[in-house]
C-alpha atoms as a PDB file:
ATOM      1  CA  MET A   1      -8.470 -23.575   0.548  1.00  0.00           C
ATOM      2  CA  ARG A   2      -9.733 -20.258   1.950  1.00  0.00           C
ATOM      3  CA  ASP A   3      -6.236 -18.761   1.662  1.00  0.00           C
ATOM      4  CA  LYS A   4      -5.884 -20.077  -1.886  1.00  0.00           C
ATOM      5  CA  ILE A   5      -9.205 -18.499  -2.866  1.00  0.00           C
ATOM      6  CA  LEU A   6      -8.222 -15.175  -1.282  1.00  0.00           C
ATOM      7  CA  GLU A   7      -4.770 -15.203  -2.905  1.00  0.00           C
ATOM      8  CA  THR A   8      -6.257 -15.906  -6.338  1.00  0.00           C
ATOM      9  CA  ALA A   9      -9.060 -13.382  -5.926  1.00  0.00           C
ATOM     10  CA  THR A  10      -6.665 -10.635  -4.840  1.00  0.00           C
ATOM     11  CA  ASP A  11      -4.398 -11.258  -7.820  1.00  0.00           C
ATOM     12  CA  MET A  12      -7.294 -11.251 -10.289  1.00  0.00           C
ATOM     13  CA  PHE A  13      -9.048  -8.228  -8.773  1.00  0.00           C
ATOM     14  CA  THR A  14      -5.919  -6.086  -8.782  1.00  0.00           C
ATOM     15  CA  ARG A  15      -4.811  -7.054 -12.304  1.00  0.00           C
ATOM     16  CA  LEU A  16      -8.135  -7.243 -14.118  1.00  0.00           C
ATOM     17  CA  GLY A  17     -10.428  -4.961 -12.140  1.00  0.00           C
ATOM     18  CA  VAL A  18     -12.937  -5.940  -9.496  1.00  0.00           C
ATOM     19  CA  ARG A  19     -16.051  -5.731 -11.659  1.00  0.00           C
ATOM     20  CA  ASN A  20     -14.507  -7.686 -14.535  1.00  0.00           C
ATOM     21  CA  VAL A  21     -13.822 -10.753 -12.382  1.00  0.00           C
ATOM     22  CA  THR A  22     -16.712 -13.098 -11.600  1.00  0.00           C
ATOM     23  CA  MET A  23     -17.010 -15.810  -8.973  1.00  0.00           C
ATOM     24  CA  ASP A  24     -16.960 -18.322 -11.850  1.00  0.00           C
ATOM     25  CA  ASP A  25     -13.630 -16.867 -13.043  1.00  0.00           C
ATOM     26  CA  ILE A  26     -12.093 -17.278  -9.592  1.00  0.00           C
ATOM     27  CA  ALA A  27     -13.441 -20.809  -9.149  1.00  0.00           C
ATOM     28  CA  ARG A  28     -12.090 -21.818 -12.552  1.00  0.00           C
ATOM     29  CA  GLN A  29      -8.655 -20.331 -11.758  1.00  0.00           C
ATOM     30  CA  VAL A  30      -8.461 -22.097  -8.387  1.00  0.00           C
ATOM     31  CA  GLY A  31      -9.763 -25.352  -9.884  1.00  0.00           C
ATOM     32  CA  ILE A  32     -12.840 -25.704  -7.669  1.00  0.00           C
ATOM     33  CA  SER A  33     -16.592 -25.305  -8.013  1.00  0.00           C
ATOM     34  CA  LYS A  34     -18.265 -21.979  -7.336  1.00  0.00           C
ATOM     35  CA  LYS A  35     -20.206 -23.716  -4.564  1.00  0.00           C
ATOM     36  CA  THR A  36     -16.926 -24.247  -2.695  1.00  0.00           C
ATOM     37  CA  ILE A  37     -16.283 -20.496  -2.663  1.00  0.00           C
ATOM     38  CA  TYR A  38     -19.716 -19.881  -1.171  1.00  0.00           C
ATOM     39  CA  GLN A  39     -18.879 -22.196   1.722  1.00  0.00           C
ATOM     40  CA  ASP A  40     -16.461 -19.522   2.986  1.00  0.00           C
ATOM     41  CA  PHE A  41     -17.844 -16.304   1.494  1.00  0.00           C
ATOM     42  CA  GLN A  42     -21.447 -15.110   1.439  1.00  0.00           C
ATOM     43  CA  ASP A  43     -21.176 -13.313  -1.892  1.00  0.00           C
ATOM     44  CA  LYS A  44     -18.758 -11.376  -4.088  1.00  0.00           C
ATOM     45  CA  LYS A  45     -18.840  -8.331  -1.808  1.00  0.00           C
ATOM     46  CA  ASP A  46     -17.773 -10.502   1.121  1.00  0.00           C
ATOM     47  CA  LEU A  47     -14.939 -11.959  -0.970  1.00  0.00           C
ATOM     48  CA  VAL A  48     -13.783  -8.498  -2.107  1.00  0.00           C
ATOM     49  CA  ASN A  49     -13.790  -7.270   1.512  1.00  0.00           C
ATOM     50  CA  SER A  50     -11.851 -10.299   2.755  1.00  0.00           C
ATOM     51  CA  ALA A  51      -9.320 -10.242  -0.104  1.00  0.00           C
ATOM     52  CA  PHE A  52      -8.306  -6.617   0.291  1.00  0.00           C
ATOM     53  CA  LYS A  53      -8.361  -6.757   4.105  1.00  0.00           C
ATOM     54  CA  ARG A  54      -5.979  -9.726   3.973  1.00  0.00           C
ATOM     55  CA  MET A  55      -3.696  -7.809   1.597  1.00  0.00           C
ATOM     56  CA  LEU A  56      -3.589  -4.771   3.873  1.00  0.00           C
ATOM     57  CA  ASP A  57      -3.023  -6.870   7.003  1.00  0.00           C
ATOM     58  CA  GLN A  58      -0.080  -8.659   5.379  1.00  0.00           C
ATOM     59  CA  ASP A  59       1.525  -5.350   4.376  1.00  0.00           C
ATOM     60  CA  HIS A  60       1.072  -3.971   7.896  1.00  0.00           C
ATOM     61  CA  GLU A  61       2.563  -7.060   9.556  1.00  0.00           C
ATOM     62  CA  HIS A  62       5.642  -6.947   7.328  1.00  0.00           C
ATOM     63  CA  LEU A  63       6.247  -3.250   7.992  1.00  0.00           C
ATOM     64  CA  GLU A  64       5.833  -3.731  11.746  1.00  0.00           C
ATOM     65  CA  ASN A  65       8.395  -6.540  11.748  1.00  0.00           C
ATOM     66  CA  ILE A  66      10.909  -4.321   9.958  1.00  0.00           C
ATOM     67  CA  LEU A  67      10.387  -1.348  12.288  1.00  0.00           C
ATOM     68  CA  ASP A  68      10.744  -3.583  15.352  1.00  0.00           C
ATOM     69  CA  GLY A  69      14.368  -4.237  14.372  1.00  0.00           C
ATOM     70  CA  GLU A  70      17.264  -2.500  16.095  1.00  0.00           C
ATOM     71  CA  ASP A  71      17.225   0.270  13.476  1.00  0.00           C
ATOM     72  CA  GLY A  72      14.458  -0.468  11.005  1.00  0.00           C
ATOM     73  CA  VAL A  73      13.696   3.089   9.924  1.00  0.00           C
ATOM     74  CA  ILE A  74      15.586   3.275   6.641  1.00  0.00           C
ATOM     75  CA  GLU A  75      14.775  -0.364   5.884  1.00  0.00           C
ATOM     76  CA  ASN A  76      11.090   0.477   6.404  1.00  0.00           C
ATOM     77  CA  LEU A  77      11.282   3.372   3.947  1.00  0.00           C
ATOM     78  CA  VAL A  78      13.053   1.339   1.270  1.00  0.00           C
ATOM     79  CA  TYR A  79      10.687  -1.609   1.696  1.00  0.00           C
ATOM     80  CA  THR A  80       7.710   0.750   1.441  1.00  0.00           C
ATOM     81  CA  SER A  81       9.152   2.200  -1.759  1.00  0.00           C
ATOM     82  CA  LYS A  82       9.703  -1.239  -3.258  1.00  0.00           C
ATOM     83  CA  ALA A  83       6.313  -2.596  -2.169  1.00  0.00           C
ATOM     84  CA  MET A  84       4.503   0.491  -3.459  1.00  0.00           C
ATOM     85  CA  ARG A  85       6.153   0.221  -6.871  1.00  0.00           C
ATOM     86  CA  GLU A  86       5.366  -3.491  -7.171  1.00  0.00           C
ATOM     87  CA  ARG A  87       1.778  -3.094  -5.969  1.00  0.00           C
ATOM     88  CA  LEU A  88       0.886  -0.093  -8.106  1.00  0.00           C
ATOM     89  CA  THR A  89       2.726  -1.307 -11.209  1.00  0.00           C
ATOM     90  CA  ASN A  90       0.673  -4.511 -11.173  1.00  0.00           C
ATOM     91  CA  MET A  91      -2.615  -2.866 -10.197  1.00  0.00           C
ATOM     92  CA  ASN A  92      -5.273  -1.936 -12.720  1.00  0.00           C
ATOM     93  CA  PRO A  93      -5.794   1.829 -12.197  1.00  0.00           C
ATOM     94  CA  MET A  94      -9.572   1.310 -12.273  1.00  0.00           C
ATOM     95  CA  VAL A  95      -9.541  -0.846  -9.125  1.00  0.00           C
ATOM     96  CA  ILE A  96      -9.539   2.034  -6.628  1.00  0.00           C
ATOM     97  CA  LEU A  97     -12.287   3.874  -8.523  1.00  0.00           C
ATOM     98  CA  GLU A  98     -14.392   0.703  -8.711  1.00  0.00           C
ATOM     99  CA  ILE A  99     -14.053   0.059  -4.993  1.00  0.00           C
ATOM    100  CA  GLN A 100     -14.980   3.656  -4.168  1.00  0.00           C
ATOM    101  CA  LYS A 101     -18.088   3.541  -6.339  1.00  0.00           C
ATOM    102  CA  TYR A 102     -19.384  -0.030  -6.119  1.00  0.00           C
ATOM    103  CA  PHE A 103     -17.942  -1.541  -2.934  1.00  0.00           C
ATOM    104  CA  PRO A 104     -18.439   1.024  -0.132  1.00  0.00           C
ATOM    105  CA  GLN A 105     -17.786  -1.512   2.633  1.00  0.00           C
ATOM    106  CA  THR A 106     -14.400  -2.342   1.139  1.00  0.00           C
ATOM    107  CA  TRP A 107     -13.635   1.346   0.685  1.00  0.00           C
ATOM    108  CA  ALA A 108     -14.445   1.850   4.376  1.00  0.00           C
ATOM    109  CA  ILE A 109     -11.814  -0.804   5.184  1.00  0.00           C
ATOM    110  CA  PHE A 110      -9.265   1.171   3.152  1.00  0.00           C
ATOM    111  CA  GLN A 111     -10.239   4.411   4.922  1.00  0.00           C
ATOM    112  CA  ASP A 112     -10.015   2.819   8.360  1.00  0.00           C
ATOM    113  CA  PHE A 113      -6.646   1.287   7.470  1.00  0.00           C
ATOM    114  CA  LYS A 114      -5.420   4.680   6.306  1.00  0.00           C
ATOM    115  CA  GLU A 115      -6.347   6.408   9.559  1.00  0.00           C
ATOM    116  CA  ASN A 116      -5.694   3.720  12.152  1.00  0.00           C
ATOM    117  CA  VAL A 117      -2.777   1.830  10.615  1.00  0.00           C
ATOM    118  CA  ILE A 118      -0.908   3.802   7.946  1.00  0.00           C
ATOM    119  CA  ARG A 119      -0.945   7.121   9.792  1.00  0.00           C
ATOM    120  CA  LYS A 120       0.122   5.500  13.074  1.00  0.00           C
ATOM    121  CA  ASP A 121       2.890   3.616  11.277  1.00  0.00           C
ATOM    122  CA  ILE A 122       4.136   6.859   9.763  1.00  0.00           C
ATOM    123  CA  VAL A 123       4.168   8.527  13.196  1.00  0.00           C
ATOM    124  CA  ASN A 124       6.145   5.585  14.625  1.00  0.00           C
ATOM    125  CA  VAL A 125       8.675   5.711  11.774  1.00  0.00           C
ATOM    126  CA  LEU A 126       9.100   9.472  12.125  1.00  0.00           C
ATOM    127  CA  GLU A 127       9.498   9.363  15.912  1.00  0.00           C
ATOM    128  CA  LYS A 128      12.023   6.527  15.784  1.00  0.00           C
ATOM    129  CA  GLY A 129      13.825   8.256  12.915  1.00  0.00           C
ATOM    130  CA  LYS A 130      14.138  11.457  14.921  1.00  0.00           C
ATOM    131  CA  LYS A 131      15.659   9.566  17.854  1.00  0.00           C
ATOM    132  CA  LEU A 132      18.172   7.904  15.543  1.00  0.00           C
ATOM    133  CA  GLY A 133      19.077  11.174  13.866  1.00  0.00           C
ATOM    134  CA  TYR A 134      17.601  10.412  10.433  1.00  0.00           C
ATOM    135  CA  PHE A 135      14.895  13.086  10.531  1.00  0.00           C
ATOM    136  CA  ARG A 136      15.041  16.709  11.633  1.00  0.00           C
ATOM    137  CA  PRO A 137      14.245  16.791  15.365  1.00  0.00           C
ATOM    138  CA  GLU A 138      11.871  19.771  15.129  1.00  0.00           C
ATOM    139  CA  ILE A 139       9.340  18.151  12.772  1.00  0.00           C
ATOM    140  CA  ASP A 140       5.817  17.484  14.068  1.00  0.00           C
ATOM    141  CA  SER A 141       5.202  13.777  13.410  1.00  0.00           C
ATOM    142  CA  ASP A 142       1.430  13.981  13.804  1.00  0.00           C
ATOM    143  CA  ILE A 143       1.036  16.811  11.298  1.00  0.00           C
ATOM    144  CA  LEU A 144       3.425  15.259   8.793  1.00  0.00           C
ATOM    145  CA  SER A 145       1.715  11.865   9.042  1.00  0.00           C
ATOM    146  CA  ARG A 146      -1.514  13.558   7.967  1.00  0.00           C
ATOM    147  CA  VAL A 147       0.280  15.375   5.150  1.00  0.00           C
ATOM    148  CA  ARG A 148       1.746  12.119   3.883  1.00  0.00           C
ATOM    149  CA  VAL A 149      -1.587  10.279   3.973  1.00  0.00           C
ATOM    150  CA  ASN A 150      -3.229  13.158   2.098  1.00  0.00           C
ATOM    151  CA  GLN A 151      -0.468  12.984  -0.524  1.00  0.00           C
ATOM    152  CA  ILE A 152      -1.197   9.297  -1.086  1.00  0.00           C
ATOM    153  CA  ASN A 153      -4.943   9.937  -1.312  1.00  0.00           C
ATOM    154  CA  SER A 154      -4.604  12.857  -3.702  1.00  0.00           C
ATOM    155  CA  VAL A 155      -3.279  10.620  -6.481  1.00  0.00           C
ATOM    156  CA  PHE A 156      -6.244   8.250  -6.307  1.00  0.00           C
ATOM    157  CA  GLU A 157      -8.835  10.973  -5.840  1.00  0.00           C
ATOM    158  CA  SER A 158      -7.693  13.286  -8.628  1.00  0.00           C
ATOM    159  CA  ARG A 159      -8.873  12.692 -12.197  1.00  0.00           C
ATOM    160  CA  GLU A 160      -5.857  14.668 -13.364  1.00  0.00           C
ATOM    161  CA  PHE A 161      -3.610  11.937 -11.975  1.00  0.00           C
ATOM    162  CA  MET A 162      -5.828   8.922 -12.670  1.00  0.00           C
ATOM    163  CA  GLU A 163      -6.593   9.875 -16.281  1.00  0.00           C
ATOM    164  CA  GLY A 164      -3.202  11.388 -17.122  1.00  0.00           C
ATOM    165  CA  ASP A 165      -0.377   9.773 -19.034  1.00  0.00           C
ATOM    166  CA  LYS A 166       1.872   9.334 -15.986  1.00  0.00           C
ATOM    167  CA  ASN A 167       2.255   5.965 -14.292  1.00  0.00           C
ATOM    168  CA  ILE A 168       0.543   5.934 -10.868  1.00  0.00           C
ATOM    169  CA  ALA A 169       3.528   4.194  -9.254  1.00  0.00           C
ATOM    170  CA  ASP A 170       5.912   6.858 -10.579  1.00  0.00           C
ATOM    171  CA  ILE A 171       3.681   9.641  -9.255  1.00  0.00           C
ATOM    172  CA  GLN A 172       3.401   8.115  -5.783  1.00  0.00           C
ATOM    173  CA  LEU A 173       7.135   7.448  -5.530  1.00  0.00           C
ATOM    174  CA  GLU A 174       8.021  10.945  -6.719  1.00  0.00           C
ATOM    175  CA  MET A 175       5.782  12.405  -4.010  1.00  0.00           C
ATOM    176  CA  MET A 176       7.273  10.083  -1.390  1.00  0.00           C
ATOM    177  CA  ASP A 177      10.793  11.107  -2.419  1.00  0.00           C
ATOM    178  CA  HIS A 178       9.894  14.793  -2.176  1.00  0.00           C
ATOM    179  CA  PHE A 179       8.350  14.259   1.271  1.00  0.00           C
ATOM    180  CA  LEU A 180      11.360  12.380   2.635  1.00  0.00           C
ATOM    181  CA  HIS A 181      13.983  14.828   1.430  1.00  0.00           C
ATOM    182  CA  GLY A 182      12.065  17.599   3.147  1.00  0.00           C
ATOM    183  CA  ILE A 183      12.515  15.960   6.559  1.00  0.00           C
ATOM    184  CA  PHE A 184      15.829  14.071   6.285  1.00  0.00           C
ATOM    185  CA  THR A 185      18.935  15.151   8.128  1.00  0.00           C
ATOM    186  CA  GLU A 186      22.187  14.697   6.209  1.00  0.00           C
ATOM    187  CA  LYS A 187      22.657  11.409   8.076  1.00  0.00           C
ATOM    188  CA  GLY A 188      19.211  10.229   6.982  1.00  0.00           C
ATOM    189  CA  ARG A 189      19.760  11.280   3.386  1.00  0.00           C
ATOM    190  CA  LYS A 190      23.048   9.350   3.178  1.00  0.00           C
ATOM    191  CA  ALA A 191      21.599   6.260   4.889  1.00  0.00           C
ATOM    192  CA  TYR A 192      18.617   6.252   2.541  1.00  0.00           C
ATOM    193  CA  LYS A 193      20.835   6.612  -0.518  1.00  0.00           C
ATOM    194  CA  ASN A 194      23.113   3.797   0.647  1.00  0.00           C
ATOM    195  CA  GLN A 195      20.171   1.506   1.403  1.00  0.00           C
ATOM    196  CA  LYS A 196      18.646   2.112  -2.026  1.00  0.00           C
ATOM    197  CA  GLU A 197      21.975   1.374  -3.716  1.00  0.00           C
ATOM    198  CA  ASN A 198      21.992  -1.991  -1.959  1.00  0.00           C
ATOM    199  CA  ASN A 199      18.447  -2.642  -3.222  1.00  0.00           C
ATOM    200  CA  PRO A 200      18.613  -2.024  -6.995  1.00  0.00           C
ATOM    201  CA  THR A 201      14.862  -2.515  -7.488  1.00  0.00           C
ATOM    202  CA  THR A 202      14.213   0.725  -5.609  1.00  0.00           C
ATOM    203  CA  THR A 203      16.714   2.936  -7.428  1.00  0.00           C
ATOM    204  CA  ALA A 204      14.035   4.204  -9.795  1.00  0.00           C
ATOM    205  CA  LEU A 205      12.700   6.235  -6.891  1.00  0.00           C
END
């Protein structure tokens, strides 16, 4: 039941906005009483924290499993592209702003995830990619991991992006594409192109 509550809450928060969704709304959607939710979660803030932490942990686990494969680098990049498009296309653009302003504990989870998970994952992908010949051997993985994280943040922290007429998913994927083609070798560029062609849902990148 806890997983069902978290799955429903995550879906509703991301689609409708965190502040727009009440505990009553979630209980009604799951088909339980609000009292049942409070058996597992102290209050709405606790539920918001748990829902988004679960979402981030699931993404991290999936990416780790891909990278642990014999190659995994190009597959990781294509999966990230696909997952980013799906997540951002279905996410209400107000969600990130709401979390920043009204749910500081949840925002701290995002910030910690960014520094201790995303950036380390990027370093691992870059280092493995260099060994396999996909990325230029002279690049500094630590510096570029910070650059990439800052690129991701800039979209959510800039009113120009958030209030503009461009789709957030398109902006993020355009920036990712620009970043990758700056560090690919010819081998990496061809492998990435071939992998995308075998995954039609990512060709919009």
